[in-house]
Structure formats: C-alpha cells, structure tokens
C-alpha cells in the first residue's frame, strides 16, 4: 500500500500541474483521452468537478489530481450522459453527483451497450470500459439548481435539447465563467449522433446570453462569445437548410452539399434533423 502511494502520488502531482486556472479558482484540464475538457470550481468549503472522464480508472486519476489542487469537499456535475463525461462517476462516490433527470435515465438504460461498443472499438483496453461500474447522478433536476460552495454560488441549468436531450451548463457568475459541455465544441465540429439539430440553435441562443466571459467547451480549449456566435450561425444554417429542403420534398442527399459541416458530420446532422421534422424523435 505504501509503495503504491509512493509511486502514484508523484505522477498525480505532475498531472495536477497541467491544470490551468482560467478565472479565480476556476480550473480546467484537457485530457488526451477523447480530447475531453474537465473543470473544477473551488469554493471555501466545497468544490465542483465538471464531468468525470470515461472510466473508473480515469475517474480515479482525475480525483487524485484534484486532491493536489484542493482539500475541500468534492461534488460532481455531469454535463450530459455520454461516456466520456460520466463513466468516471463511480470513482467519486459517495459524493453528490448532479445531473439532469434524463442524464440519470439514459445512463441506467444505455450505458452497458456503450461499454461493449467501446470495448469492440478499443479491444486492447476494452476491459477498462466493460468493468467500470456505472453510477448515474444521485442528485437530479429538471430546469435549474443553485449549489453553494462556501462563499461562491454556481448555477446548473438545462437550456433545452441540443447535443443530447439532457445537456447541462454550469455558470460561475462571480467570474463570468461558463462550462458549456458539448453544446459547444472547439477543435472539431459538433457531434450529432445523439442530437436534436432543430432545437440546438435555440438552446445555444439561450447559452449565448450567459456567455459574458470564458466559455469552456466539452472538448477543446477555452473560447469566448465570438466563437459561440460562429457555432450558433452554423447550427442555425443547418436547421434552416433541413427545413427548406424537406419542405421542398428533397432528401438528406439533396441537402448534404449545402451543409455547413464536413460531409460525414453533415450527414449525421441532417439525418437527425429530418427525423425530428418527421416527428420520429
């Protein structure tokens, strides 16, 4: 036991140095695994971890690093149910894990299928995912909730459907910081496989009203209001294109050359958009 601590603590310390303070006691860390961006908001008595990575091992690695940054009581929020943001939850128990009501439902219903898909895609590390216990949020809400961290209040808000049906943003009003989850992505186009493209622009419009400082995407580096405006313009163009082409009797293939995203991404977005317009999702 002592040998294990001796080996792992210096590693955690080196990793903790990769965290970046983007505002007063608001930290982020980008991980090479899935290029996910994790957050930490520190208060006087409690700190909030924004997302937990993709497996129990990755979650424990994250927890070890956080303990080099703060000794406060830890709480967690999942920005949505996708594996790379929530499968590390188990490593943080028995703490409070916050998420939208549908985040908890989707984790209970869909996670095992996702684990086997990850193992099939990465067989050399498949056991890391299939053996991870899934721990859905144990504190859920529908619209908004405020958390008191000790002299600092953060707001968790569901602004509507977009990347998923359970996206949550985390607002730190005293420093004008906003964690957007995968409603905003930097370094690559948004992911549409589980999305609601016809709702996404309206949701980001509401997010834009809160984007008065640093905006932390679910993947990539910190951005600002102008980046959010650019992504909103693309999402709006996609939704308008889908509506127009379908109204004219066209198909996904007809719309694809005009989509504001690369072909593979645009096809996934248009398939979901057409399904929404048909009332299928």
C-alpha atoms as a PDB file:
ATOM      1  CA  UNK A   1       0.000   0.000   0.000  1.00  0.00           C
ATOM      2  CA  UNK A   2       2.753   2.444   0.927  1.00  0.00           C
ATOM      3  CA  UNK A   3       4.672   1.528  -2.218  1.00  0.00           C
ATOM      4  CA  UNK A   4       1.588   2.181  -4.377  1.00  0.00           C
ATOM      5  CA  UNK A   5       1.106   5.621  -2.797  1.00  0.00           C
ATOM      6  CA  UNK A   6       4.795   6.426  -3.308  1.00  0.00           C
ATOM      7  CA  UNK A   7       4.520   5.545  -6.986  1.00  0.00           C
ATOM      8  CA  UNK A   8       1.201   7.213  -7.832  1.00  0.00           C
ATOM      9  CA  UNK A   9       1.356  10.472  -5.877  1.00  0.00           C
ATOM     10  CA  UNK A  10       4.306  12.000  -7.799  1.00  0.00           C
ATOM     11  CA  UNK A  11       2.523  11.056 -11.045  1.00  0.00           C
ATOM     12  CA  UNK A  12      -0.658  12.768  -9.844  1.00  0.00           C
ATOM     13  CA  UNK A  13       1.341  15.821  -8.812  1.00  0.00           C
ATOM     14  CA  UNK A  14       2.921  16.128 -12.256  1.00  0.00           C
ATOM     15  CA  UNK A  15      -0.511  15.753 -13.862  1.00  0.00           C
ATOM     16  CA  UNK A  16      -2.015  18.319 -11.496  1.00  0.00           C
ATOM     17  CA  UNK A  17       0.443  20.862 -12.882  1.00  0.00           C
ATOM     18  CA  UNK A  18      -1.320  20.510 -16.239  1.00  0.00           C
ATOM     19  CA  UNK A  19      -4.418  22.180 -14.819  1.00  0.00           C
ATOM     20  CA  UNK A  20      -4.931  25.801 -15.863  1.00  0.00           C
ATOM     21  CA  UNK A  21      -6.661  28.489 -13.806  1.00  0.00           C
ATOM     22  CA  UNK A  22      -8.847  30.422 -16.273  1.00  0.00           C
ATOM     23  CA  UNK A  23     -10.513  32.617 -13.622  1.00  0.00           C
ATOM     24  CA  UNK A  24     -10.300  32.957  -9.844  1.00  0.00           C
ATOM     25  CA  UNK A  25     -10.357  29.338  -8.532  1.00  0.00           C
ATOM     26  CA  UNK A  26     -11.806  28.009 -11.783  1.00  0.00           C
ATOM     27  CA  UNK A  27      -9.560  25.360 -13.310  1.00  0.00           C
ATOM     28  CA  UNK A  28      -9.614  23.283 -16.482  1.00  0.00           C
ATOM     29  CA  UNK A  29      -7.627  20.328 -17.767  1.00  0.00           C
ATOM     30  CA  UNK A  30      -7.669  18.868 -21.272  1.00  0.00           C
ATOM     31  CA  UNK A  31      -7.052  15.118 -21.443  1.00  0.00           C
ATOM     32  CA  UNK A  32      -5.743  13.288 -24.482  1.00  0.00           C
ATOM     33  CA  UNK A  33      -8.376  10.578 -23.945  1.00  0.00           C
ATOM     34  CA  UNK A  34     -11.196  11.766 -26.237  1.00  0.00           C
ATOM     35  CA  UNK A  35      -9.797  15.340 -26.015  1.00  0.00           C
ATOM     36  CA  UNK A  36     -12.268  15.950 -23.195  1.00  0.00           C
ATOM     37  CA  UNK A  37     -12.039  19.147 -21.132  1.00  0.00           C
ATOM     38  CA  UNK A  38     -12.714  18.752 -17.395  1.00  0.00           C
ATOM     39  CA  UNK A  39     -13.442  21.583 -14.971  1.00  0.00           C
ATOM     40  CA  UNK A  40     -13.035  22.355 -11.275  1.00  0.00           C
ATOM     41  CA  UNK A  41     -14.765  25.239  -9.497  1.00  0.00           C
ATOM     42  CA  UNK A  42     -13.416  25.814  -5.989  1.00  0.00           C
ATOM     43  CA  UNK A  43     -15.273  27.439  -3.112  1.00  0.00           C
ATOM     44  CA  UNK A  44     -14.268  27.971   0.511  1.00  0.00           C
ATOM     45  CA  UNK A  45     -15.764  24.682   1.722  1.00  0.00           C
ATOM     46  CA  UNK A  46     -16.766  22.715  -1.395  1.00  0.00           C
ATOM     47  CA  UNK A  47     -15.552  22.290  -4.952  1.00  0.00           C
ATOM     48  CA  UNK A  48     -17.482  21.198  -8.024  1.00  0.00           C
ATOM     49  CA  UNK A  49     -15.944  18.825 -10.576  1.00  0.00           C
ATOM     50  CA  UNK A  50     -17.415  19.305 -14.051  1.00  0.00           C
ATOM     51  CA  UNK A  51     -17.522  15.840 -15.694  1.00  0.00           C
ATOM     52  CA  UNK A  52     -15.566  12.736 -14.681  1.00  0.00           C
ATOM     53  CA  UNK A  53     -13.998  11.229 -17.845  1.00  0.00           C
ATOM     54  CA  UNK A  54     -14.682   7.838 -19.453  1.00  0.00           C
ATOM     55  CA  UNK A  55     -13.910   5.031 -16.978  1.00  0.00           C
ATOM     56  CA  UNK A  56     -13.417   4.279 -13.311  1.00  0.00           C
ATOM     57  CA  UNK A  57      -9.636   4.306 -13.786  1.00  0.00           C
ATOM     58  CA  UNK A  58      -9.747   7.679 -15.493  1.00  0.00           C
ATOM     59  CA  UNK A  59     -12.068   8.974 -12.776  1.00  0.00           C
ATOM     60  CA  UNK A  60      -9.677   7.871 -10.028  1.00  0.00           C
ATOM     61  CA  UNK A  61      -6.781   9.502 -11.845  1.00  0.00           C
ATOM     62  CA  UNK A  62      -8.837  12.693 -12.006  1.00  0.00           C
ATOM     63  CA  UNK A  63      -9.700  12.517  -8.311  1.00  0.00           C
ATOM     64  CA  UNK A  64      -6.025  12.048  -7.399  1.00  0.00           C
ATOM     65  CA  UNK A  65      -5.083  15.141  -9.374  1.00  0.00           C
ATOM     66  CA  UNK A  66      -7.873  17.210  -7.826  1.00  0.00           C
ATOM     67  CA  UNK A  67      -6.647  16.328  -4.353  1.00  0.00           C
ATOM     68  CA  UNK A  68      -3.387  18.097  -5.209  1.00  0.00           C
ATOM     69  CA  UNK A  69      -5.405  21.200  -6.112  1.00  0.00           C
ATOM     70  CA  UNK A  70      -7.884  21.412  -3.220  1.00  0.00           C
ATOM     71  CA  UNK A  71      -8.730  19.820   0.118  1.00  0.00           C
ATOM     72  CA  UNK A  72     -12.367  20.987   0.052  1.00  0.00           C
ATOM     73  CA  UNK A  73     -15.360  18.657  -0.069  1.00  0.00           C
ATOM     74  CA  UNK A  74     -15.923  17.420  -3.628  1.00  0.00           C
ATOM     75  CA  UNK A  75     -19.178  17.444  -5.546  1.00  0.00           C
ATOM     76  CA  UNK A  76     -19.700  16.470  -9.193  1.00  0.00           C
ATOM     77  CA  UNK A  77     -21.885  17.506 -12.119  1.00  0.00           C
ATOM     78  CA  UNK A  78     -22.303  15.663 -15.416  1.00  0.00           C
ATOM     79  CA  UNK A  79     -22.928  17.999 -18.351  1.00  0.00           C
ATOM     80  CA  UNK A  80     -24.695  15.099 -20.113  1.00  0.00           C
ATOM     81  CA  UNK A  81     -24.822  11.309 -20.150  1.00  0.00           C
ATOM     82  CA  UNK A  82     -22.183  10.491 -22.770  1.00  0.00           C
ATOM     83  CA  UNK A  83     -19.492   8.097 -21.595  1.00  0.00           C
ATOM     84  CA  UNK A  84     -16.542  10.471 -21.891  1.00  0.00           C
ATOM     85  CA  UNK A  85     -18.222  12.846 -19.420  1.00  0.00           C
ATOM     86  CA  UNK A  86     -19.823  10.484 -16.922  1.00  0.00           C
ATOM     87  CA  UNK A  87     -18.384   6.970 -16.803  1.00  0.00           C
ATOM     88  CA  UNK A  88     -15.810   8.088 -14.217  1.00  0.00           C
ATOM     89  CA  UNK A  89     -18.564   8.895 -11.707  1.00  0.00           C
ATOM     90  CA  UNK A  90     -18.039   5.775  -9.621  1.00  0.00           C
ATOM     91  CA  UNK A  91     -14.589   6.951  -8.551  1.00  0.00           C
ATOM     92  CA  UNK A  92     -16.154   9.917  -6.734  1.00  0.00           C
ATOM     93  CA  UNK A  93     -18.767   8.091  -4.660  1.00  0.00           C
ATOM     94  CA  UNK A  94     -20.228   8.596  -2.106  1.00  0.00           C
ATOM     95  CA  UNK A  95     -20.270  12.276  -3.062  1.00  0.00           C
ATOM     96  CA  UNK A  96     -23.240  14.138  -4.578  1.00  0.00           C
ATOM     97  CA  UNK A  97     -23.316  13.697  -8.351  1.00  0.00           C
ATOM     98  CA  UNK A  98     -25.619  16.190 -10.072  1.00  0.00           C
ATOM     99  CA  UNK A  99     -27.176  15.838 -13.492  1.00  0.00           C
ATOM    100  CA  UNK A 100     -30.350  16.299 -15.442  1.00  0.00           C
ATOM    101  CA  UNK A 101     -33.110  13.776 -14.756  1.00  0.00           C
ATOM    102  CA  UNK A 102     -32.720  12.321 -18.245  1.00  0.00           C
ATOM    103  CA  UNK A 103     -28.946  12.027 -17.775  1.00  0.00           C
ATOM    104  CA  UNK A 104     -29.561   9.554 -14.957  1.00  0.00           C
ATOM    105  CA  UNK A 105     -32.196   7.713 -17.003  1.00  0.00           C
ATOM    106  CA  UNK A 106     -30.002   7.417 -20.078  1.00  0.00           C
ATOM    107  CA  UNK A 107     -27.057   6.132 -18.047  1.00  0.00           C
ATOM    108  CA  UNK A 108     -29.224   3.445 -16.492  1.00  0.00           C
ATOM    109  CA  UNK A 109     -30.700   2.413 -19.844  1.00  0.00           C
ATOM    110  CA  UNK A 110     -27.890   2.810 -22.375  1.00  0.00           C
ATOM    111  CA  UNK A 111     -24.524   2.565 -20.659  1.00  0.00           C
ATOM    112  CA  UNK A 112     -23.959  -1.183 -20.949  1.00  0.00           C
ATOM    113  CA  UNK A 113     -24.412  -1.083 -24.726  1.00  0.00           C
ATOM    114  CA  UNK A 114     -21.953   1.816 -24.885  1.00  0.00           C
ATOM    115  CA  UNK A 115     -19.403  -0.068 -22.791  1.00  0.00           C
ATOM    116  CA  UNK A 116     -19.422  -3.040 -25.171  1.00  0.00           C
ATOM    117  CA  UNK A 117     -19.154  -0.715 -28.162  1.00  0.00           C
ATOM    118  CA  UNK A 118     -16.099   0.960 -26.619  1.00  0.00           C
ATOM    119  CA  UNK A 119     -14.527  -2.431 -25.922  1.00  0.00           C
ATOM    120  CA  UNK A 120     -15.118  -3.510 -29.521  1.00  0.00           C
ATOM    121  CA  UNK A 121     -13.558  -0.315 -30.851  1.00  0.00           C
ATOM    122  CA  UNK A 122     -10.554  -0.492 -28.482  1.00  0.00           C
ATOM    123  CA  UNK A 123     -10.046  -4.181 -27.668  1.00  0.00           C
ATOM    124  CA  UNK A 124      -6.579  -3.628 -26.180  1.00  0.00           C
ATOM    125  CA  UNK A 125      -8.153  -1.623 -23.316  1.00  0.00           C
ATOM    126  CA  UNK A 126     -11.687  -2.965 -23.557  1.00  0.00           C
ATOM    127  CA  UNK A 127     -11.785  -4.313 -20.004  1.00  0.00           C
ATOM    128  CA  UNK A 128     -11.230  -0.799 -18.657  1.00  0.00           C
ATOM    129  CA  UNK A 129     -14.658   0.147 -20.001  1.00  0.00           C
ATOM    130  CA  UNK A 130     -16.655  -3.067 -19.573  1.00  0.00           C
ATOM    131  CA  UNK A 131     -15.536  -3.441 -15.938  1.00  0.00           C
ATOM    132  CA  UNK A 132     -16.339   0.161 -14.981  1.00  0.00           C
ATOM    133  CA  UNK A 133     -19.344   0.350 -12.615  1.00  0.00           C
ATOM    134  CA  UNK A 134     -21.875   2.857 -13.922  1.00  0.00           C
ATOM    135  CA  UNK A 135     -23.064   5.366 -11.324  1.00  0.00           C
ATOM    136  CA  UNK A 136     -25.794   7.708 -12.598  1.00  0.00           C
ATOM    137  CA  UNK A 137     -26.296  11.090 -10.923  1.00  0.00           C
ATOM    138  CA  UNK A 138     -27.813  10.726  -7.461  1.00  0.00           C
ATOM    139  CA  UNK A 139     -28.960  14.367  -7.391  1.00  0.00           C
ATOM    140  CA  UNK A 140     -31.130  15.324 -10.362  1.00  0.00           C
ATOM    141  CA  UNK A 141     -33.089  18.335 -11.545  1.00  0.00           C
ATOM    142  CA  UNK A 142     -35.233  19.381 -14.493  1.00  0.00           C
ATOM    143  CA  UNK A 143     -34.535  23.068 -15.199  1.00  0.00           C
ATOM    144  CA  UNK A 144     -32.117  24.840 -12.822  1.00  0.00           C
ATOM    145  CA  UNK A 145     -30.499  24.403  -9.432  1.00  0.00           C
ATOM    146  CA  UNK A 146     -28.048  26.522  -7.444  1.00  0.00           C
ATOM    147  CA  UNK A 147     -25.181  24.987  -5.481  1.00  0.00           C
ATOM    148  CA  UNK A 148     -23.461  26.781  -2.623  1.00  0.00           C
ATOM    149  CA  UNK A 149     -19.743  26.019  -2.456  1.00  0.00           C
ATOM    150  CA  UNK A 150     -18.897  28.234   0.505  1.00  0.00           C
ATOM    151  CA  UNK A 151     -18.927  31.910  -0.391  1.00  0.00           C
ATOM    152  CA  UNK A 152     -19.490  31.044  -4.045  1.00  0.00           C
ATOM    153  CA  UNK A 153     -22.699  30.052  -5.809  1.00  0.00           C
ATOM    154  CA  UNK A 154     -22.815  28.183  -9.107  1.00  0.00           C
ATOM    155  CA  UNK A 155     -25.884  27.590 -11.238  1.00  0.00           C
ATOM    156  CA  UNK A 156     -26.638  24.380 -13.134  1.00  0.00           C
ATOM    157  CA  UNK A 157     -29.115  24.923 -15.965  1.00  0.00           C
ATOM    158  CA  UNK A 158     -30.791  22.872 -18.665  1.00  0.00           C
ATOM    159  CA  UNK A 159     -31.431  25.324 -21.512  1.00  0.00           C
ATOM    160  CA  UNK A 160     -33.083  22.881 -23.903  1.00  0.00           C
ATOM    161  CA  UNK A 161     -32.207  19.988 -26.170  1.00  0.00           C
ATOM    162  CA  UNK A 162     -29.172  20.173 -28.410  1.00  0.00           C
ATOM    163  CA  UNK A 163     -26.212  17.810 -28.360  1.00  0.00           C
ATOM    164  CA  UNK A 164     -28.454  15.477 -26.296  1.00  0.00           C
ATOM    165  CA  UNK A 165     -31.796  15.741 -24.501  1.00  0.00           C
ATOM    166  CA  UNK A 166     -30.062  16.272 -21.120  1.00  0.00           C
ATOM    167  CA  UNK A 167     -27.388  18.932 -21.680  1.00  0.00           C
ATOM    168  CA  UNK A 168     -26.465  20.995 -18.621  1.00  0.00           C
ATOM    169  CA  UNK A 169     -24.392  24.179 -18.446  1.00  0.00           C
ATOM    170  CA  UNK A 170     -22.515  25.323 -15.349  1.00  0.00           C
ATOM    171  CA  UNK A 171     -22.438  29.065 -14.674  1.00  0.00           C
ATOM    172  CA  UNK A 172     -19.941  30.661 -12.281  1.00  0.00           C
ATOM    173  CA  UNK A 173     -21.386  34.184 -12.127  1.00  0.00           C
ATOM    174  CA  UNK A 174     -18.808  35.904  -9.914  1.00  0.00           C
ATOM    175  CA  UNK A 175     -16.099  35.413 -12.558  1.00  0.00           C
ATOM    176  CA  UNK A 176     -18.339  35.233 -15.671  1.00  0.00           C
ATOM    177  CA  UNK A 177     -17.239  31.678 -16.491  1.00  0.00           C
ATOM    178  CA  UNK A 178     -19.456  29.159 -18.247  1.00  0.00           C
ATOM    179  CA  UNK A 179     -18.984  25.411 -18.783  1.00  0.00           C
ATOM    180  CA  UNK A 180     -20.968  24.558 -21.909  1.00  0.00           C
ATOM    181  CA  UNK A 181     -20.490  20.798 -22.136  1.00  0.00           C
ATOM    182  CA  UNK A 182     -20.803  19.520 -25.704  1.00  0.00           C
ATOM    183  CA  UNK A 183     -23.310  22.192 -26.686  1.00  0.00           C
ATOM    184  CA  UNK A 184     -20.095  23.923 -27.785  1.00  0.00           C
ATOM    185  CA  UNK A 185     -17.020  22.164 -29.156  1.00  0.00           C
ATOM    186  CA  UNK A 186     -13.660  23.623 -30.131  1.00  0.00           C
ATOM    187  CA  UNK A 187     -11.057  21.976 -32.339  1.00  0.00           C
ATOM    188  CA  UNK A 188     -13.610  19.970 -34.290  1.00  0.00           C
ATOM    189  CA  UNK A 189     -17.241  20.095 -35.413  1.00  0.00           C
ATOM    190  CA  UNK A 190     -20.097  19.311 -33.024  1.00  0.00           C
ATOM    191  CA  UNK A 191     -21.240  15.700 -32.664  1.00  0.00           C
ATOM    192  CA  UNK A 192     -24.762  14.989 -33.909  1.00  0.00           C
ATOM    193  CA  UNK A 193     -25.279  11.231 -33.444  1.00  0.00           C
ATOM    194  CA  UNK A 194     -27.479  11.702 -30.371  1.00  0.00           C
ATOM    195  CA  UNK A 195     -28.587  15.242 -31.126  1.00  0.00           C
ATOM    196  CA  UNK A 196     -31.659  17.401 -31.707  1.00  0.00           C
ATOM    197  CA  UNK A 197     -30.497  19.708 -34.539  1.00  0.00           C
ATOM    198  CA  UNK A 198     -33.789  21.571 -34.831  1.00  0.00           C
ATOM    199  CA  UNK A 199     -33.635  22.548 -31.141  1.00  0.00           C
ATOM    200  CA  UNK A 200     -29.890  23.094 -30.861  1.00  0.00           C
ATOM    201  CA  UNK A 201     -29.798  26.686 -32.234  1.00  0.00           C
ATOM    202  CA  UNK A 202     -32.417  27.883 -29.750  1.00  0.00           C
ATOM    203  CA  UNK A 203     -30.544  26.268 -26.882  1.00  0.00           C
ATOM    204  CA  UNK A 204     -27.252  27.890 -27.897  1.00  0.00           C
ATOM    205  CA  UNK A 205     -29.043  31.239 -28.281  1.00  0.00           C
ATOM    206  CA  UNK A 206     -30.008  30.987 -24.619  1.00  0.00           C
ATOM    207  CA  UNK A 207     -26.446  29.952 -23.755  1.00  0.00           C
ATOM    208  CA  UNK A 208     -25.136  32.983 -25.645  1.00  0.00           C
ATOM    209  CA  UNK A 209     -26.989  35.281 -23.253  1.00  0.00           C
ATOM    210  CA  UNK A 210     -24.819  33.850 -20.465  1.00  0.00           C
ATOM    211  CA  UNK A 211     -21.535  33.985 -22.419  1.00  0.00           C
ATOM    212  CA  UNK A 212     -20.077  37.126 -20.873  1.00  0.00           C
ATOM    213  CA  UNK A 213     -16.601  35.716 -20.214  1.00  0.00           C
ATOM    214  CA  UNK A 214     -14.697  32.463 -20.644  1.00  0.00           C
ATOM    215  CA  UNK A 215     -16.691  29.626 -22.209  1.00  0.00           C
ATOM    216  CA  UNK A 216     -15.353  26.112 -21.618  1.00  0.00           C
ATOM    217  CA  UNK A 217     -16.424  23.591 -24.285  1.00  0.00           C
ATOM    218  CA  UNK A 218     -16.800  19.897 -23.614  1.00  0.00           C
ATOM    219  CA  UNK A 219     -13.831  19.255 -25.902  1.00  0.00           C
ATOM    220  CA  UNK A 220     -11.054  21.635 -26.838  1.00  0.00           C
ATOM    221  CA  UNK A 221      -9.767  24.913 -25.453  1.00  0.00           C
ATOM    222  CA  UNK A 222     -11.499  27.840 -23.803  1.00  0.00           C
ATOM    223  CA  UNK A 223     -13.390  30.127 -26.172  1.00  0.00           C
ATOM    224  CA  UNK A 224     -15.303  33.388 -25.974  1.00  0.00           C
ATOM    225  CA  UNK A 225     -18.560  34.893 -27.136  1.00  0.00           C
ATOM    226  CA  UNK A 226     -17.484  35.324 -30.776  1.00  0.00           C
ATOM    227  CA  UNK A 227     -16.713  31.606 -31.101  1.00  0.00           C
ATOM    228  CA  UNK A 228     -20.139  30.725 -29.699  1.00  0.00           C
ATOM    229  CA  UNK A 229     -21.738  33.115 -32.187  1.00  0.00           C
ATOM    230  CA  UNK A 230     -19.921  31.383 -35.036  1.00  0.00           C
ATOM    231  CA  UNK A 231     -21.025  27.921 -33.946  1.00  0.00           C
ATOM    232  CA  UNK A 232     -24.579  29.192 -33.476  1.00  0.00           C
ATOM    233  CA  UNK A 233     -24.546  30.512 -37.048  1.00  0.00           C
ATOM    234  CA  UNK A 234     -23.544  27.072 -38.375  1.00  0.00           C
ATOM    235  CA  UNK A 235     -26.151  25.259 -36.272  1.00  0.00           C
ATOM    236  CA  UNK A 236     -28.841  27.704 -37.414  1.00  0.00           C
ATOM    237  CA  UNK A 237     -27.835  27.311 -41.056  1.00  0.00           C
ATOM    238  CA  UNK A 238     -28.063  23.526 -40.745  1.00  0.00           C
ATOM    239  CA  UNK A 239     -31.542  23.654 -39.207  1.00  0.00           C
ATOM    240  CA  UNK A 240     -32.797  26.132 -41.827  1.00  0.00           C
ATOM    241  CA  UNK A 241     -31.350  24.013 -44.627  1.00  0.00           C
ATOM    242  CA  UNK A 242     -33.036  20.844 -43.358  1.00  0.00           C
ATOM    243  CA  UNK A 243     -36.388  22.601 -43.013  1.00  0.00           C
ATOM    244  CA  UNK A 244     -36.210  24.142 -46.501  1.00  0.00           C
ATOM    245  CA  UNK A 245     -35.094  21.002 -48.335  1.00  0.00           C
ATOM    246  CA  UNK A 246     -37.638  18.788 -46.616  1.00  0.00           C
ATOM    247  CA  UNK A 247     -40.440  21.303 -47.323  1.00  0.00           C
ATOM    248  CA  UNK A 248     -39.430  21.198 -50.993  1.00  0.00           C
ATOM    249  CA  UNK A 249     -39.635  17.398 -50.989  1.00  0.00           C
ATOM    250  CA  UNK A 250     -35.887  16.848 -51.000  1.00  0.00           C
ATOM    251  CA  UNK A 251     -33.755  14.317 -49.143  1.00  0.00           C
ATOM    252  CA  UNK A 252     -30.703  14.242 -46.919  1.00  0.00           C
ATOM    253  CA  UNK A 253     -28.586  13.634 -50.031  1.00  0.00           C
ATOM    254  CA  UNK A 254     -30.055  16.735 -51.661  1.00  0.00           C
ATOM    255  CA  UNK A 255     -29.214  18.885 -48.640  1.00  0.00           C
ATOM    256  CA  UNK A 256     -25.761  17.448 -47.893  1.00  0.00           C
ATOM    257  CA  UNK A 257     -23.703  19.506 -50.397  1.00  0.00           C
ATOM    258  CA  UNK A 258     -25.027  22.695 -48.767  1.00  0.00           C
ATOM    259  CA  UNK A 259     -24.432  21.678 -45.149  1.00  0.00           C
ATOM    260  CA  UNK A 260     -22.052  23.912 -43.134  1.00  0.00           C
ATOM    261  CA  UNK A 261     -20.154  20.902 -41.761  1.00  0.00           C
ATOM    262  CA  UNK A 262     -17.847  18.230 -43.248  1.00  0.00           C
ATOM    263  CA  UNK A 263     -19.680  15.528 -45.176  1.00  0.00           C
ATOM    264  CA  UNK A 264     -19.737  12.788 -42.522  1.00  0.00           C
ATOM    265  CA  UNK A 265     -20.766  15.203 -39.773  1.00  0.00           C
ATOM    266  CA  UNK A 266     -23.269  16.937 -42.029  1.00  0.00           C
ATOM    267  CA  UNK A 267     -24.934  13.638 -42.925  1.00  0.00           C
ATOM    268  CA  UNK A 268     -25.360  12.659 -39.271  1.00  0.00           C
ATOM    269  CA  UNK A 269     -26.781  16.132 -38.524  1.00  0.00           C
ATOM    270  CA  UNK A 270     -29.214  16.059 -41.437  1.00  0.00           C
ATOM    271  CA  UNK A 271     -30.410  12.520 -40.685  1.00  0.00           C
ATOM    272  CA  UNK A 272     -31.292  13.612 -37.162  1.00  0.00           C
ATOM    273  CA  UNK A 273     -32.824  16.895 -38.387  1.00  0.00           C
ATOM    274  CA  UNK A 274     -35.025  15.130 -40.949  1.00  0.00           C
ATOM    275  CA  UNK A 275     -36.086  12.616 -38.294  1.00  0.00           C
ATOM    276  CA  UNK A 276     -37.076  15.470 -35.995  1.00  0.00           C
ATOM    277  CA  UNK A 277     -39.055  17.179 -38.746  1.00  0.00           C
ATOM    278  CA  UNK A 278     -40.841  13.887 -39.410  1.00  0.00           C
ATOM    279  CA  UNK A 279     -41.734  13.527 -35.736  1.00  0.00           C
ATOM    280  CA  UNK A 280     -39.660  10.362 -35.406  1.00  0.00           C
ATOM    281  CA  UNK A 281     -37.536  11.606 -32.497  1.00  0.00           C
END
